[in-house]
Protein backbone atom coordinates (compact mmCIF):
# COMPACT_ATOMS: atom_id res chain seq x y z
CA MET A 1 -63.81 33.58 -32.57
CA ASP A 2 -63.28 36.80 -30.71
CA ILE A 3 -65.54 39.77 -30.89
CA ALA A 4 -63.21 41.81 -33.44
CA LYS A 5 -63.12 38.79 -35.86
CA GLN A 6 -66.83 38.52 -35.48
CA ILE A 7 -67.46 42.00 -36.40
CA ILE A 8 -65.38 41.97 -39.43
CA ASP A 9 -66.74 38.57 -40.52
CA GLN A 10 -70.36 40.11 -39.96
CA ARG A 11 -69.46 43.27 -42.18
CA VAL A 12 -67.78 41.06 -44.98
CA ARG A 13 -70.92 38.82 -45.09
CA LYS A 14 -73.13 42.06 -45.19
CA ILE A 15 -71.13 43.22 -48.11
CA ILE A 16 -71.84 40.08 -49.90
CA ASP A 17 -75.46 40.35 -49.13
CA GLU A 18 -76.27 44.12 -49.84
CA ASN A 19 -74.33 43.99 -53.14
CA PRO A 20 -75.81 41.20 -55.29
CA ASP A 21 -74.73 43.04 -58.52
CA LEU A 22 -71.01 42.79 -57.55
CA GLU A 23 -69.08 40.03 -59.46
CA ILE A 24 -68.39 38.38 -56.00
CA VAL A 25 -71.76 36.99 -55.74
CA SER A 26 -70.91 34.35 -58.82
CA ARG A 27 -67.79 32.97 -57.39
CA ASP A 28 -67.20 30.31 -54.90
CA ASP A 29 -67.63 30.98 -51.31
CA GLU A 30 -64.25 31.42 -50.49
CA ARG A 31 -63.44 33.86 -53.13
CA LYS A 32 -66.60 35.65 -52.22
CA LEU A 33 -65.23 36.24 -48.72
CA SER A 34 -61.78 37.26 -49.78
CA THR A 35 -63.12 39.85 -52.31
CA ALA A 36 -65.56 41.30 -49.89
CA PHE A 37 -62.82 41.58 -47.30
CA LEU A 38 -60.56 43.32 -49.97
CA LEU A 39 -63.48 45.68 -50.71
CA LEU A 40 -63.97 46.45 -46.99
CA GLY A 41 -60.42 46.96 -46.62
CA VAL A 42 -59.85 49.36 -49.40
CA ALA A 43 -63.14 51.09 -48.48
CA ALA A 44 -61.97 51.68 -44.83
CA TYR A 45 -58.36 52.97 -45.99
CA LEU A 46 -59.74 55.31 -48.49
CA ASP A 47 -62.65 56.53 -46.10
CA LYS A 48 -64.99 55.85 -49.27
CA ASP A 49 -68.13 53.92 -50.04
CA ILE A 50 -67.72 50.23 -51.42
CA ALA A 51 -69.25 51.42 -54.86
CA ASP A 52 -66.55 54.06 -55.14
CA ILE A 53 -63.66 51.91 -54.72
CA LEU A 54 -64.41 49.22 -57.36
CA VAL A 55 -62.21 50.88 -59.85
CA TYR A 56 -59.20 50.17 -57.86
CA ILE A 57 -59.70 46.58 -57.87
CA THR A 58 -57.54 44.11 -60.13
CA GLU A 59 -58.45 40.87 -61.00
CA GLY A 60 -57.11 38.18 -63.24
CA GLY A 61 -53.80 36.30 -63.67
CA SER A 62 -51.82 39.10 -65.09
CA ASP A 63 -52.17 41.51 -62.31
CA GLY A 64 -48.76 41.37 -60.84
CA GLY A 65 -50.05 39.73 -57.53
CA PHE A 66 -51.80 42.49 -55.86
CA ASP A 67 -55.62 42.84 -55.57
CA ALA A 68 -56.23 46.54 -55.78
CA ALA A 69 -54.05 49.70 -56.70
CA VAL A 70 -54.56 53.19 -55.91
CA LEU A 71 -52.84 55.86 -57.94
CA ASP A 72 -52.75 59.40 -56.40
CA VAL A 73 -50.96 62.35 -58.45
CA ASP A 74 -49.71 65.48 -56.43
CA VAL A 75 -48.02 68.18 -58.60
CA ASP A 76 -44.48 66.62 -58.58
CA THR A 77 -45.25 63.13 -56.92
CA LEU A 78 -47.11 59.99 -57.90
CA HIS A 79 -48.02 57.97 -54.75
CA VAL A 80 -48.90 54.39 -55.51
CA THR A 81 -50.71 52.10 -52.94
CA PHE A 82 -51.06 48.23 -53.52
CA PHE A 83 -53.41 46.02 -51.69
CA GLN A 84 -53.28 42.08 -51.31
CA ALA A 85 -55.74 40.41 -49.16
CA LYS A 86 -56.79 36.94 -48.60
CA TYR A 87 -59.69 36.04 -45.91
CA THR A 88 -59.44 33.02 -43.90
């Protein structure tokens, strides 16, 4: 594993360790890592803390195939950003 992947892996695992109250701790290890990676990606994209981006996460069978959605409304425009992530 190269250094960039190691840094991301360390940060993903730190999110799991530092946020025991999140739903991700009760899932199997693969889902925990994928959800923590999604949280990291959305938080980095929006430049917000992990706790602040939980409202954007969509989970469940009828979520349309995306894992997070951000709606931003301007005066005349609606901007929608969808996120889909898998950590391997």
